[in-house]
Amino acid sequence: GAALALLGRRHPAVPRVVAVPTVAVSVAAAAVLLATADARGPVVLHVGGWGPPVGITLVADRLSALLLLVSTLVMLAVQVYAIAQRVKDQGREAPSTTFHPVYLLLCAGVALAYLTADLFTLFVAFEVMLTASYVLITRRASARTVQAGMTYVTVSLLSSLLFLTAIALVYAATGTVNLADLSQRVATLPEGLRVVLALLLLVVFGIKAAIVPLHFWLPDSYPSAPAPVTALFAGLLTKVGFYALLRTQTLILPADGPSPLLLALAVVTMLLGTLGAVAQDDLNRLLSFLLVGHIGFMLFGLAVATPAGFGGAALYAAHHITVLAALFLVSGLIVRRTGTAALDRMGGLAHAAPMLAVLFAVPALTLAGLPPTAGFVAKLALLRAGAQAGPWAVAGAGVVMVASLLTLYALVRVWTRVFWGAPKPALPDEDPGDELVVGTAATSRPMYAATAALVVTSVGIAVAAGPLSATTARAGADLADRSAYTVAVLGEG
């Protein structure tokens, strides 16, 4: 799809005609993979007929297929939003030679990261995502965006070098990079070497998932990008990093009980992320800090190290992908309406744009975890897992409650500043060259429709909480057992 979109770049309609069906077909494929994996077990493909541990193996189990399905739905909604924004701002004949090919390349990298069954192909997937994301984050060129893009790519390259070093050490110690094969071979290594490899992988994926104190790059990088790019990054990239951490920690370096280190990192991430959000007066930076804080919720499920904790983390990740993407798309609509992201320069949107108020309120309540939203169901699963895992996990569950209240307070501040009070006129466009038109007539219906689709998806997760929770519970049991994954990849022998 990316290649076809690039070949047809001289005709503005061709990339759109190619790109949207490509992502839509990916959604359908992910749905089939999830249904098959849940009914029959992991779906395995040995690429080129080369068996493990030599060849490249792709695996869709319950966890990877679920996150892939939710991620492709977000990709499709963000893609429609981005197309509508460009058409509205620059006209239907405005060419876009890079966006659609690079966007599809990023989607391919995300899918490969979820489906790969070896560390080196996972490294390749991250590099594909990095290459595409650097182009997307700097498309709207200005001094601020280039500076933020350089910070983003420098930190990403540093984590990639660390990842490559970790892969080299793992291969030198075990002679394989296949995850299923590693799950058997790493257990024979000396304890000190296992600790070094575990810490190195934790740092690598901690940077990509924005776990405190490795999060410093995110609040400065994401808010500078255009709204659809920020929504895509917030919804997907950090969750791919967390997925890699969850997969490697459970498959290669399983814990016998709750991990004090991961519990401490989860607590610090939850508290500093949500407290940082409370202190922000910029809407996009506030949401970026909430993104960091809620990575801590997922990390708490991993730290508990029980099937219930793993299942709760998977459920929370699935809901978080849709909710954060929806909130950043809503933020883009608010900025287009008001001409600013500063909370103290907004007001009265509940009267001037009631649909926008609804689109913000639903995902905000979901992120805060109020019943009966999907966020409440996911947090309840995490709290139950923590309550059953010992005193330290119970203390971490208490921090989950505190961080949830801080999230609610931060989002209530946004509501009172942005939607209550007297309406204020839109501010003048501060950067006429940034491909953004502001004002009351600047938003097209497809942009609202794409945002509403994500909001409805988050509501659908709450409606389907019963079967979805059962699926994630089975995924958590698979992560704790590992036998289904290793047998599917390596065979009965």
Protein backbone atom coordinates (compact mmCIF):
# COMPACT_ATOMS: atom_id res chain seq x y z
CA GLY A 1 0.00 0.00 0.00
CA ALA A 2 2.79 2.44 0.85
CA ALA A 3 4.55 1.69 -2.44
CA LEU A 4 1.37 2.15 -4.49
CA ALA A 5 0.56 5.41 -2.69
CA LEU A 6 4.06 6.67 -3.47
CA LEU A 7 3.85 5.67 -7.14
CA GLY A 8 0.53 7.51 -7.50
CA ARG A 9 1.67 10.67 -5.72
CA ARG A 10 1.27 12.87 -8.79
CA HIS A 11 -2.50 12.41 -8.62
CA PRO A 12 -3.89 13.67 -5.27
CA ALA A 13 -6.77 11.20 -5.18
CA VAL A 14 -4.67 8.06 -5.75
CA PRO A 15 -2.87 7.96 -2.35
CA ARG A 16 -6.20 8.39 -0.55
CA VAL A 17 -7.90 5.71 -2.64
CA VAL A 18 -5.05 3.30 -1.90
CA ALA A 19 -4.40 4.16 1.75
CA VAL A 20 -7.87 4.01 3.29
CA PRO A 21 -8.84 0.57 1.90
CA THR A 22 -5.40 -0.76 2.86
CA VAL A 23 -5.94 0.11 6.52
CA ALA A 24 -9.58 -1.04 6.37
CA VAL A 25 -8.49 -4.46 5.09
CA SER A 26 -5.93 -4.57 7.91
CA VAL A 27 -8.76 -4.04 10.41
CA ALA A 28 -10.65 -6.98 8.93
CA ALA A 29 -7.54 -9.16 8.95
CA ALA A 30 -6.85 -8.32 12.60
CA ALA A 31 -10.44 -9.21 13.53
CA VAL A 32 -10.11 -12.60 11.83
CA LEU A 33 -6.78 -13.22 13.58
CA LEU A 34 -8.29 -12.39 16.98
CA ALA A 35 -11.29 -14.67 16.44
CA THR A 36 -9.05 -17.51 15.24
CA ALA A 37 -6.44 -17.13 17.99
CA ASP A 38 -9.10 -16.99 20.70
CA ALA A 39 -10.88 -20.09 19.38
CA ARG A 40 -7.97 -22.28 18.27
CA GLY A 41 -4.78 -20.90 19.80
CA PRO A 42 -1.90 -18.88 18.31
CA VAL A 43 -1.79 -18.44 14.53
CA VAL A 44 1.80 -19.02 13.34
CA LEU A 45 3.54 -18.23 10.04
CA HIS A 46 7.12 -19.31 9.36
CA VAL A 47 8.09 -16.77 6.70
CA GLY A 48 9.62 -18.35 3.61
CA GLY A 49 9.20 -21.81 5.06
CA TRP A 50 12.20 -21.40 7.35
CA GLY A 51 11.47 -22.94 10.73
CA PRO A 52 12.51 -21.58 14.11
CA PRO A 53 14.86 -20.61 15.56
CA VAL A 54 16.59 -19.73 12.26
CA GLY A 55 13.79 -18.14 10.24
CA ILE A 56 11.45 -15.21 10.86
CA THR A 57 8.26 -16.31 12.60
CA LEU A 58 5.08 -14.26 12.92
CA VAL A 59 2.64 -15.14 15.71
CA ALA A 60 -0.86 -13.83 16.43
CA ASP A 61 -2.04 -14.92 19.86
CA ARG A 62 -4.86 -13.42 21.93
CA LEU A 63 -2.77 -10.52 23.24
CA SER A 64 -1.10 -9.46 19.99
CA ALA A 65 -4.25 -9.91 17.89
CA LEU A 66 -6.38 -7.87 20.31
CA LEU A 67 -3.93 -4.97 20.42
CA LEU A 68 -3.48 -5.18 16.65
CA LEU A 69 -7.25 -4.95 16.10
CA VAL A 70 -7.67 -1.95 18.38
CA SER A 71 -4.59 -0.27 16.88
CA THR A 72 -5.77 -0.69 13.28
CA LEU A 73 -9.15 0.79 14.21
CA VAL A 74 -7.32 3.83 15.57
CA MET A 75 -5.16 3.98 12.44
CA LEU A 76 -8.26 4.06 10.24
CA ALA A 77 -10.01 6.79 12.25
CA VAL A 78 -6.89 8.97 12.42
CA GLN A 79 -6.32 8.49 8.70
CA VAL A 80 -9.83 9.74 7.86
CA TYR A 81 -9.34 12.70 10.23
CA ALA A 82 -6.01 13.61 8.61
CA ILE A 83 -7.43 13.42 5.08
CA ALA A 84 -10.40 15.58 6.02
CA GLN A 85 -8.16 18.12 7.72
CA ARG A 86 -5.92 18.47 4.69
CA VAL A 87 -8.84 18.73 2.28
CA LYS A 88 -10.48 21.39 4.44
CA ASP A 89 -7.33 23.43 4.96
CA GLN A 90 -5.68 23.20 1.54
CA GLY A 91 -8.30 22.10 -0.95
CA ARG A 92 -8.91 18.83 -2.74
CA GLU A 93 -6.21 19.38 -5.33
CA ALA A 94 -3.41 19.88 -2.80
CA PRO A 95 -0.85 17.11 -3.37
CA SER A 96 0.46 15.06 -0.45
CA THR A 97 3.51 13.16 -1.66
CA THR A 98 4.72 11.89 1.70
CA PHE A 99 1.90 11.57 4.20
CA HIS A 100 0.08 8.47 2.98
CA PRO A 101 3.15 6.35 2.10
CA VAL A 102 4.82 7.23 5.40
CA TYR A 103 1.59 6.71 7.34
CA LEU A 104 1.16 3.22 5.88
CA LEU A 105 4.82 2.48 6.61
CA LEU A 106 4.24 3.41 10.26
CA CYS A 107 1.16 1.17 10.37
CA ALA A 108 3.21 -1.69 8.93
CA GLY A 109 5.87 -1.20 11.61
CA VAL A 110 3.24 -1.28 14.36
CA ALA A 111 1.71 -4.48 12.98
CA LEU A 112 5.13 -6.14 12.66
CA ALA A 113 6.00 -5.22 16.26
CA TYR A 114 2.84 -6.92 17.52
CA LEU A 115 3.24 -10.05 15.40
CA THR A 116 6.95 -10.80 15.37
CA ALA A 117 8.29 -13.70 17.41
CA ASP A 118 11.99 -12.77 17.53
CA LEU A 119 13.98 -9.91 19.00
CA PHE A 120 15.80 -8.84 15.83
CA THR A 121 12.62 -8.51 13.77
CA LEU A 122 11.19 -6.53 16.69
CA PHE A 123 14.19 -4.21 16.36
CA VAL A 124 13.46 -3.86 12.64
CA ALA A 125 9.82 -3.02 13.43
CA PHE A 126 10.86 -0.28 15.83
CA GLU A 127 13.24 1.16 13.23
CA VAL A 128 10.47 1.19 10.61
CA MET A 129 8.25 3.06 13.08
CA LEU A 130 11.06 5.47 13.99
CA THR A 131 11.82 6.31 10.36
CA ALA A 132 8.17 6.96 9.54
CA SER A 133 7.40 8.80 12.78
CA TYR A 134 10.34 11.19 12.33
CA VAL A 135 8.99 12.21 8.92
CA LEU A 136 5.47 12.68 10.31
CA ILE A 137 6.52 14.65 13.38
CA THR A 138 8.52 17.16 11.28
CA ARG A 139 6.14 17.58 8.32
CA ARG A 140 4.91 20.91 9.72
CA ALA A 141 8.34 22.50 9.71
CA SER A 142 9.09 25.25 12.20
CA ALA A 143 11.89 25.87 14.66
CA ARG A 144 9.82 24.40 17.51
CA THR A 145 8.76 21.26 15.67
CA VAL A 146 12.25 20.58 14.33
CA GLN A 147 13.71 20.98 17.83
CA ALA A 148 11.08 18.64 19.27
CA GLY A 149 11.64 16.21 16.40
CA MET A 150 15.39 16.18 17.03
CA THR A 151 14.80 15.40 20.70
CA TYR A 152 12.45 12.60 19.73
CA VAL A 153 14.74 11.02 17.15
CA THR A 154 17.88 11.37 19.32
CA VAL A 155 16.26 9.57 22.24
CA SER A 156 14.78 6.96 19.89
CA LEU A 157 18.14 6.30 18.27
CA LEU A 158 19.77 5.97 21.69
CA SER A 159 17.18 3.39 22.72
CA SER A 160 17.71 1.60 19.39
CA LEU A 161 21.46 1.38 20.01
CA LEU A 162 20.78 -0.04 23.46
CA PHE A 163 18.31 -2.50 21.95
CA LEU A 164 20.84 -3.64 19.36
CA THR A 165 23.41 -4.10 22.13
CA ALA A 166 20.92 -6.15 24.14
CA ILE A 167 20.19 -8.34 21.10
CA ALA A 168 23.93 -8.92 20.58
CA LEU A 169 24.38 -9.92 24.23
CA VAL A 170 21.36 -12.22 24.13
CA TYR A 171 22.57 -13.90 20.96
CA ALA A 172 26.13 -14.26 22.29
CA ALA A 173 24.82 -15.87 25.47
CA THR A 174 22.15 -18.16 23.99
CA GLY A 175 22.76 -18.51 20.25
CA THR A 176 19.20 -17.48 19.35
CA VAL A 177 16.91 -14.46 19.18
CA ASN A 178 13.65 -16.38 18.79
CA LEU A 179 11.40 -15.52 21.74
CA ALA A 180 10.01 -19.00 22.23
CA ASP A 181 13.50 -20.52 22.04
CA LEU A 182 14.83 -17.89 24.44
CA SER A 183 12.14 -18.76 26.98
CA GLN A 184 13.90 -22.11 27.39
CA ARG A 185 17.54 -21.10 26.98
CA VAL A 186 17.67 -18.00 29.19
CA ALA A 187 16.75 -20.11 32.23
CA THR A 188 20.11 -21.90 31.92
CA LEU A 189 22.17 -18.67 32.08
CA PRO A 190 23.93 -17.50 35.27
CA GLU A 191 21.71 -15.35 37.48
CA GLY A 192 23.92 -12.27 37.15
CA LEU A 193 23.75 -12.37 33.35
CA ARG A 194 19.96 -12.78 33.46
CA VAL A 195 19.70 -9.69 35.67
CA VAL A 196 21.86 -7.64 33.30
CA LEU A 197 19.78 -8.66 30.28
CA ALA A 198 16.53 -7.97 32.13
CA LEU A 199 17.65 -4.48 33.16
CA LEU A 200 18.91 -3.65 29.67
CA LEU A 201 15.63 -4.68 28.05
CA LEU A 202 13.73 -2.78 30.75
CA VAL A 203 15.65 0.42 29.91
CA VAL A 204 15.18 -0.07 26.16
CA PHE A 205 11.44 -0.61 26.29
CA GLY A 206 11.05 1.81 29.22
CA ILE A 207 12.28 4.60 26.96
CA LYS A 208 9.92 3.61 24.16
CA ALA A 209 6.98 3.24 26.57
CA ALA A 210 7.84 6.54 28.37
CA ILE A 211 8.16 5.03 31.85
CA VAL A 212 9.37 7.51 34.49
CA PRO A 213 12.26 8.51 34.69
CA LEU A 214 12.75 7.69 30.99
CA HIS A 215 9.76 9.76 29.89
CA PHE A 216 11.35 13.21 29.57
CA TRP A 217 11.26 13.27 25.78
CA LEU A 218 7.51 12.72 25.36
CA PRO A 219 5.83 15.90 26.78
CA ASP A 220 8.08 18.06 24.60
CA SER A 221 7.81 15.99 21.41
CA TYR A 222 4.18 14.97 21.00
CA PRO A 223 2.42 18.36 21.50
CA SER A 224 4.43 19.97 18.70
CA ALA A 225 3.12 17.62 16.00
CA PRO A 226 -0.15 18.06 14.06
CA ALA A 227 -3.24 16.70 15.82
CA PRO A 228 -3.64 13.46 13.81
CA VAL A 229 0.05 12.64 14.17
CA THR A 230 -0.03 13.30 17.91
CA ALA A 231 -3.16 11.16 18.26
CA LEU A 232 -1.53 8.29 16.38
CA PHE A 233 1.68 8.50 18.41
CA ALA A 234 -0.16 8.78 21.74
CA GLY A 235 -2.49 5.93 20.92
CA LEU A 236 0.02 3.48 19.49
CA LEU A 237 3.75 4.05 19.91
CA THR A 238 4.03 3.96 23.69
CA LYS A 239 1.68 0.98 23.82
CA VAL A 240 3.89 -0.89 21.34
CA GLY A 241 6.81 -0.22 23.69
CA PHE A 242 4.79 -1.53 26.63
CA TYR A 243 3.69 -4.57 24.62
CA ALA A 244 7.35 -5.39 23.90
CA LEU A 245 8.13 -5.04 27.62
CA LEU A 246 5.18 -7.24 28.57
CA ARG A 247 6.09 -9.88 26.01
CA THR A 248 9.78 -10.09 26.90
CA GLN A 249 9.29 -9.92 30.67
CA THR A 250 6.74 -12.74 30.67
CA LEU A 251 8.27 -14.94 27.99
CA ILE A 252 12.03 -14.54 28.44
CA LEU A 253 12.43 -13.28 32.01
CA PRO A 254 9.38 -14.43 34.00
CA ALA A 255 9.09 -13.44 37.67
CA ASP A 256 8.14 -15.79 40.48
CA GLY A 257 6.05 -13.10 42.20
CA PRO A 258 5.41 -9.36 42.28
CA SER A 259 8.49 -7.41 41.17
CA PRO A 260 9.51 -4.67 43.67
CA LEU A 261 11.41 -2.78 40.94
CA LEU A 262 8.49 -2.77 38.49
CA LEU A 263 6.05 -1.89 41.29
CA ALA A 264 8.21 1.08 42.27
CA LEU A 265 8.47 2.24 38.64
CA ALA A 266 4.71 1.85 38.20
CA VAL A 267 3.97 3.92 41.32
CA VAL A 268 6.41 6.69 40.35
CA THR A 269 5.10 6.75 36.77
CA MET A 270 1.47 6.98 37.88
CA LEU A 271 2.10 9.74 40.41
CA LEU A 272 4.55 11.93 38.46
CA GLY A 273 2.58 11.61 35.24
CA THR A 274 -0.76 12.62 36.76
CA LEU A 275 0.78 15.31 39.01
CA GLY A 276 2.55 16.72 35.95
CA ALA A 277 -0.80 16.88 34.15
CA VAL A 278 -2.38 18.81 37.04
CA ALA A 279 0.37 21.43 36.75
CA GLN A 280 -0.09 22.07 33.00
CA ASP A 281 -1.92 24.99 31.37
CA ASP A 282 -1.39 23.70 27.82
CA LEU A 283 -4.02 21.18 26.73
CA ASN A 284 -1.71 18.99 24.66
CA ARG A 285 1.02 18.91 27.32
CA LEU A 286 -1.61 18.03 29.92
CA LEU A 287 -2.77 15.08 27.84
CA SER A 288 0.85 14.07 27.23
CA PHE A 289 1.52 13.88 30.97
CA LEU A 290 -1.67 11.87 31.45
CA LEU A 291 -0.40 9.52 28.77
CA VAL A 292 2.78 9.01 30.79
CA GLY A 293 0.86 8.54 34.04
CA HIS A 294 -1.41 5.89 32.61
CA ILE A 295 1.48 3.84 31.27
CA GLY A 296 2.07 3.28 34.99
CA PHE A 297 -1.34 1.59 35.28
CA MET A 298 -0.32 -0.99 32.68
CA LEU A 299 3.09 -1.39 34.27
CA PHE A 300 1.36 -2.12 37.58
CA GLY A 301 -0.44 -5.07 35.99
CA LEU A 302 2.90 -6.39 34.70
CA ALA A 303 4.55 -5.85 38.10
CA VAL A 304 1.89 -7.90 39.89
CA ALA A 305 3.12 -10.86 37.80
CA THR A 306 -0.06 -12.95 38.00
CA PRO A 307 -2.44 -14.07 35.23
CA ALA A 308 -5.01 -11.57 36.56
CA GLY A 309 -2.43 -8.77 36.48
CA PHE A 310 -1.34 -9.60 32.92
CA GLY A 311 -4.97 -9.76 31.79
CA GLY A 312 -5.76 -6.44 33.48
CA ALA A 313 -2.75 -4.81 31.80
CA ALA A 314 -3.88 -6.13 28.39
CA LEU A 315 -7.42 -4.83 28.93
CA TYR A 316 -6.15 -1.46 30.10
CA ALA A 317 -3.84 -1.16 27.08
CA ALA A 318 -6.69 -1.94 24.67
CA HIS A 319 -8.95 0.71 26.19
CA HIS A 320 -6.12 3.25 26.53
CA ILE A 321 -5.20 3.07 22.84
CA THR A 322 -8.65 4.29 21.79
CA VAL A 323 -9.21 6.81 24.60
CA LEU A 324 -5.91 8.68 24.27
CA ALA A 325 -6.18 8.85 20.48
CA ALA A 326 -9.74 10.18 20.81
CA LEU A 327 -8.71 12.84 23.36
CA PHE A 328 -5.88 14.10 21.16
CA LEU A 329 -8.21 14.30 18.15
CA VAL A 330 -10.67 16.27 20.29
CA SER A 331 -7.80 18.49 21.36
CA GLY A 332 -7.06 19.14 17.70
CA LEU A 333 -10.68 20.15 17.10
CA ILE A 334 -10.58 22.46 20.14
CA VAL A 335 -7.38 24.14 18.95
CA ARG A 336 -8.86 24.64 15.49
CA ARG A 337 -11.94 26.20 17.08
CA THR A 338 -10.13 28.52 19.50
CA GLY A 339 -6.78 29.13 17.85
CA THR A 340 -4.83 28.16 20.98
CA ALA A 341 -3.94 25.24 23.24
CA ALA A 342 -3.68 27.46 26.35
CA LEU A 343 -6.45 26.59 28.81
CA ASP A 344 -6.70 30.10 30.25
CA ARG A 345 -7.45 31.56 26.81
CA MET A 346 -10.47 29.34 26.13
CA GLY A 347 -14.01 29.22 27.43
CA GLY A 348 -17.68 28.68 26.67
CA LEU A 349 -17.33 25.84 24.17
CA ALA A 350 -20.16 23.89 25.81
CA HIS A 351 -22.55 26.55 24.43
CA ALA A 352 -20.71 27.33 21.20
CA ALA A 353 -19.89 23.71 20.25
CA PRO A 354 -21.99 21.21 22.24
CA MET A 355 -20.96 18.26 20.05
CA LEU A 356 -17.33 19.01 20.86
CA ALA A 357 -18.19 19.01 24.56
CA VAL A 358 -19.76 15.54 24.26
CA LEU A 359 -16.79 14.21 22.31
CA PHE A 360 -14.48 15.39 25.10
CA ALA A 361 -16.62 14.34 28.04
CA VAL A 362 -17.03 10.67 27.11
CA PRO A 363 -13.32 9.76 26.72
CA ALA A 364 -12.41 12.03 29.66
CA LEU A 365 -14.76 10.12 31.96
CA THR A 366 -13.42 6.87 30.52
CA LEU A 367 -9.81 7.84 31.18
CA ALA A 368 -10.69 8.89 34.73
CA GLY A 369 -12.24 5.45 35.24
CA LEU A 370 -15.76 6.43 36.28
CA PRO A 371 -18.36 3.62 36.08
CA PRO A 372 -19.67 2.21 33.81
CA THR A 373 -16.93 3.15 31.33
CA ALA A 374 -14.25 0.89 29.90
CA GLY A 375 -11.67 2.64 32.07
CA PHE A 376 -13.58 1.59 35.19
CA VAL A 377 -13.70 -2.04 34.04
CA ALA A 378 -9.97 -2.08 33.25
CA LYS A 379 -8.98 -0.41 36.54
CA LEU A 380 -11.23 -2.78 38.47
CA ALA A 381 -9.37 -5.70 36.89
CA LEU A 382 -6.04 -4.17 37.96
CA LEU A 383 -7.28 -3.49 41.50
CA ARG A 384 -8.52 -7.05 41.88
CA ALA A 385 -5.18 -8.39 40.69
CA GLY A 386 -3.31 -6.15 43.13
CA ALA A 387 -5.54 -7.09 46.06
CA GLN A 388 -4.69 -10.77 45.54
CA ALA A 389 -0.93 -10.39 45.14
CA GLY A 390 0.38 -9.39 48.59
CA PRO A 391 0.87 -6.24 50.68
CA TRP A 392 3.18 -4.39 48.28
CA ALA A 393 0.76 -4.92 45.40
CA VAL A 394 -2.10 -3.76 47.64
CA ALA A 395 -0.16 -0.55 48.32
CA GLY A 396 0.30 -0.14 44.55
CA ALA A 397 -3.45 -0.60 44.09
CA GLY A 398 -3.94 2.30 46.50
CA VAL A 399 -1.72 4.44 44.27
CA VAL A 400 -3.90 3.42 41.31
CA MET A 401 -6.85 5.01 43.14
CA VAL A 402 -4.89 8.18 43.94
CA ALA A 403 -3.68 8.52 40.34
CA SER A 404 -7.25 8.04 39.11
CA LEU A 405 -8.45 10.90 41.32
CA LEU A 406 -5.62 13.12 40.06
CA THR A 407 -6.60 12.24 36.49
CA LEU A 408 -10.20 13.21 37.23
CA TYR A 409 -9.08 16.50 38.78
CA ALA A 410 -6.89 17.35 35.76
CA LEU A 411 -9.70 16.63 33.31
CA VAL A 412 -12.22 18.59 35.40
CA ARG A 413 -9.83 21.56 35.14
CA VAL A 414 -9.91 21.19 31.37
CA TRP A 415 -13.70 21.06 31.40
CA THR A 416 -14.11 24.17 33.55
CA ARG A 417 -11.53 26.16 31.58
CA VAL A 418 -12.51 25.12 28.07
CA PHE A 419 -16.24 24.43 28.15
CA TRP A 420 -17.68 26.53 30.97
CA GLY A 421 -17.89 30.31 31.16
CA ALA A 422 -18.58 32.86 28.49
CA PRO A 423 -17.60 32.04 24.89
CA LYS A 424 -14.41 33.71 23.71
CA PRO A 425 -13.61 34.71 20.13
CA ALA A 426 -11.10 32.62 18.22
CA LEU A 427 -7.55 33.95 18.40
CA PRO A 428 -5.71 34.87 15.19
CA ASP A 429 -3.63 32.20 13.52
CA GLU A 430 -0.22 32.48 15.17
CA ASP A 431 1.57 30.45 12.48
CA PRO A 432 -0.02 30.85 9.01
CA GLY A 433 2.45 28.36 7.52
CA ASP A 434 1.59 25.43 9.74
CA GLU A 435 -1.13 23.87 7.54
CA LEU A 436 -3.78 24.74 10.13
CA VAL A 437 -6.83 26.94 9.67
CA VAL A 438 -8.54 28.22 12.81
CA GLY A 439 -11.98 29.63 13.41
CA THR A 440 -15.56 28.47 13.80
CA ALA A 441 -15.92 27.35 10.18
CA ALA A 442 -12.60 25.55 9.97
CA THR A 443 -13.70 22.02 10.82
CA SER A 444 -15.27 19.55 8.40
CA ARG A 445 -17.80 16.88 9.30
CA PRO A 446 -15.50 13.93 8.49
CA MET A 447 -13.11 15.15 11.20
CA TYR A 448 -15.94 15.08 13.73
CA ALA A 449 -17.09 11.71 12.39
CA ALA A 450 -13.63 10.15 12.75
CA THR A 451 -13.33 11.45 16.30
CA ALA A 452 -16.82 10.24 17.14
CA ALA A 453 -15.95 6.80 15.76
CA LEU A 454 -13.13 6.46 18.28
CA VAL A 455 -15.39 7.68 21.08
CA VAL A 456 -18.01 5.11 20.09
CA THR A 457 -15.29 2.44 20.00
CA SER A 458 -14.34 3.26 23.60
CA VAL A 459 -18.03 3.00 24.55
CA GLY A 460 -18.20 -0.31 22.68
CA ILE A 461 -15.33 -1.65 24.79
CA ALA A 462 -17.43 -0.91 27.89
CA VAL A 463 -20.54 -2.52 26.36
CA ALA A 464 -18.53 -5.64 25.46
CA ALA A 465 -16.72 -5.64 28.81
CA GLY A 466 -17.85 -9.18 29.66
CA PRO A 467 -16.54 -11.06 26.63
CA LEU A 468 -13.55 -8.73 26.27
CA SER A 469 -12.55 -9.24 29.91
CA ALA A 470 -12.83 -13.00 29.40
CA THR A 471 -10.56 -12.76 26.35
CA THR A 472 -7.94 -10.69 28.18
CA ALA A 473 -8.16 -13.07 31.15
CA ARG A 474 -7.32 -15.94 28.80
CA ALA A 475 -4.51 -13.83 27.32
CA GLY A 476 -3.17 -13.24 30.85
CA ALA A 477 -3.25 -16.96 31.53
CA ASP A 478 -1.32 -17.57 28.29
CA LEU A 479 1.34 -15.06 29.31
CA ALA A 480 1.74 -16.72 32.69
CA ASP A 481 1.85 -20.28 31.28
CA ARG A 482 3.94 -19.71 28.10
CA SER A 483 3.48 -23.30 26.94
CA ALA A 484 0.85 -22.52 24.28
CA TYR A 485 3.12 -19.90 22.72
CA THR A 486 6.28 -22.02 22.74
CA VAL A 487 4.54 -25.15 21.46
CA ALA A 488 2.86 -23.15 18.67
CA VAL A 489 6.19 -21.69 17.55
CA LEU A 490 8.63 -24.56 18.19
CA GLY A 491 6.30 -27.55 17.87
CA GLU A 492 5.58 -30.35 20.30
CA GLY A 493 9.21 -31.44 20.43
